[in-house]
Amino acid sequence: MKITELRRKSKTDLNKLLPEKYDKLCQLRFSLVSGKVKNVKAVRETKKEIARILTLLK
């Protein structure tokens, strides 16, 4: 998700989106350890999305 898309959302939407991204990151990490993830860049992209959301909330 790009920063322009995130800026259009309200703070309540961002607050709802943040736990979803943390859950996704957790699932990706477990899948990575078990060898199920083919796209290892997804972990990095998810971390960047979390950082973008946190930046907009501050």
Protein backbone atom coordinates (compact mmCIF):
# COMPACT_ATOMS: atom_id res chain seq x y z
CA MET A 1 0.00 0.00 0.00
CA LYS A 2 1.41 3.35 -0.96
CA ILE A 3 1.62 6.39 1.28
CA THR A 4 -0.92 8.29 -0.82
CA GLU A 5 -3.49 5.56 -0.23
CA LEU A 6 -2.79 5.62 3.49
CA ARG A 7 -3.13 9.40 3.69
CA ARG A 8 -6.67 9.16 2.35
CA LYS A 9 -7.73 6.95 5.25
CA SER A 10 -8.93 8.27 8.57
CA LYS A 11 -7.08 7.71 11.82
CA THR A 12 -9.64 5.15 12.94
CA ASP A 13 -9.10 3.17 9.74
CA LEU A 14 -5.34 3.31 10.26
CA ASN A 15 -5.74 2.15 13.85
CA LYS A 16 -7.76 -0.82 12.59
CA LEU A 17 -5.26 -1.58 9.85
CA LEU A 18 -2.22 -1.61 12.14
CA PRO A 19 -3.07 -4.81 14.09
CA GLU A 20 -3.92 -6.55 10.83
CA LYS A 21 -0.46 -5.74 9.50
CA TYR A 22 1.18 -6.97 12.71
CA ASP A 23 -0.75 -10.25 12.41
CA LYS A 24 0.28 -10.59 8.79
CA LEU A 25 3.92 -10.01 9.74
CA CYS A 26 3.71 -12.66 12.45
CA GLN A 27 2.20 -15.17 10.03
CA LEU A 28 4.84 -14.41 7.43
CA ARG A 29 7.62 -14.95 9.93
CA PHE A 30 6.23 -18.33 11.00
CA SER A 31 5.75 -19.34 7.37
CA LEU A 32 9.28 -18.23 6.54
CA VAL A 33 10.75 -20.42 9.27
CA SER A 34 8.72 -23.42 8.16
CA GLY A 35 9.72 -22.83 4.53
CA LYS A 36 6.26 -22.13 3.13
CA VAL A 37 6.92 -18.57 1.92
CA LYS A 38 8.20 -18.18 -1.62
CA ASN A 39 8.32 -14.37 -1.54
CA VAL A 40 10.76 -13.42 1.21
CA LYS A 41 10.42 -9.73 0.32
CA ALA A 42 6.90 -9.78 1.72
CA VAL A 43 8.30 -9.55 5.26
CA ARG A 44 10.26 -6.41 4.40
CA GLU A 45 7.30 -4.84 2.60
CA THR A 46 4.99 -5.52 5.54
CA LYS A 47 7.46 -3.92 7.95
CA LYS A 48 7.61 -0.83 5.73
CA GLU A 49 3.81 -0.61 5.63
CA ILE A 50 3.70 -0.77 9.43
CA ALA A 51 6.28 2.01 9.62
CA ARG A 52 4.27 4.16 7.19
CA ILE A 53 1.11 3.72 9.23
CA LEU A 54 2.90 4.56 12.47
CA THR A 55 4.41 7.66 10.86
CA LEU A 56 1.03 8.91 9.73
CA LEU A 57 -0.50 8.29 13.14
CA LYS A 58 2.12 10.48 14.81
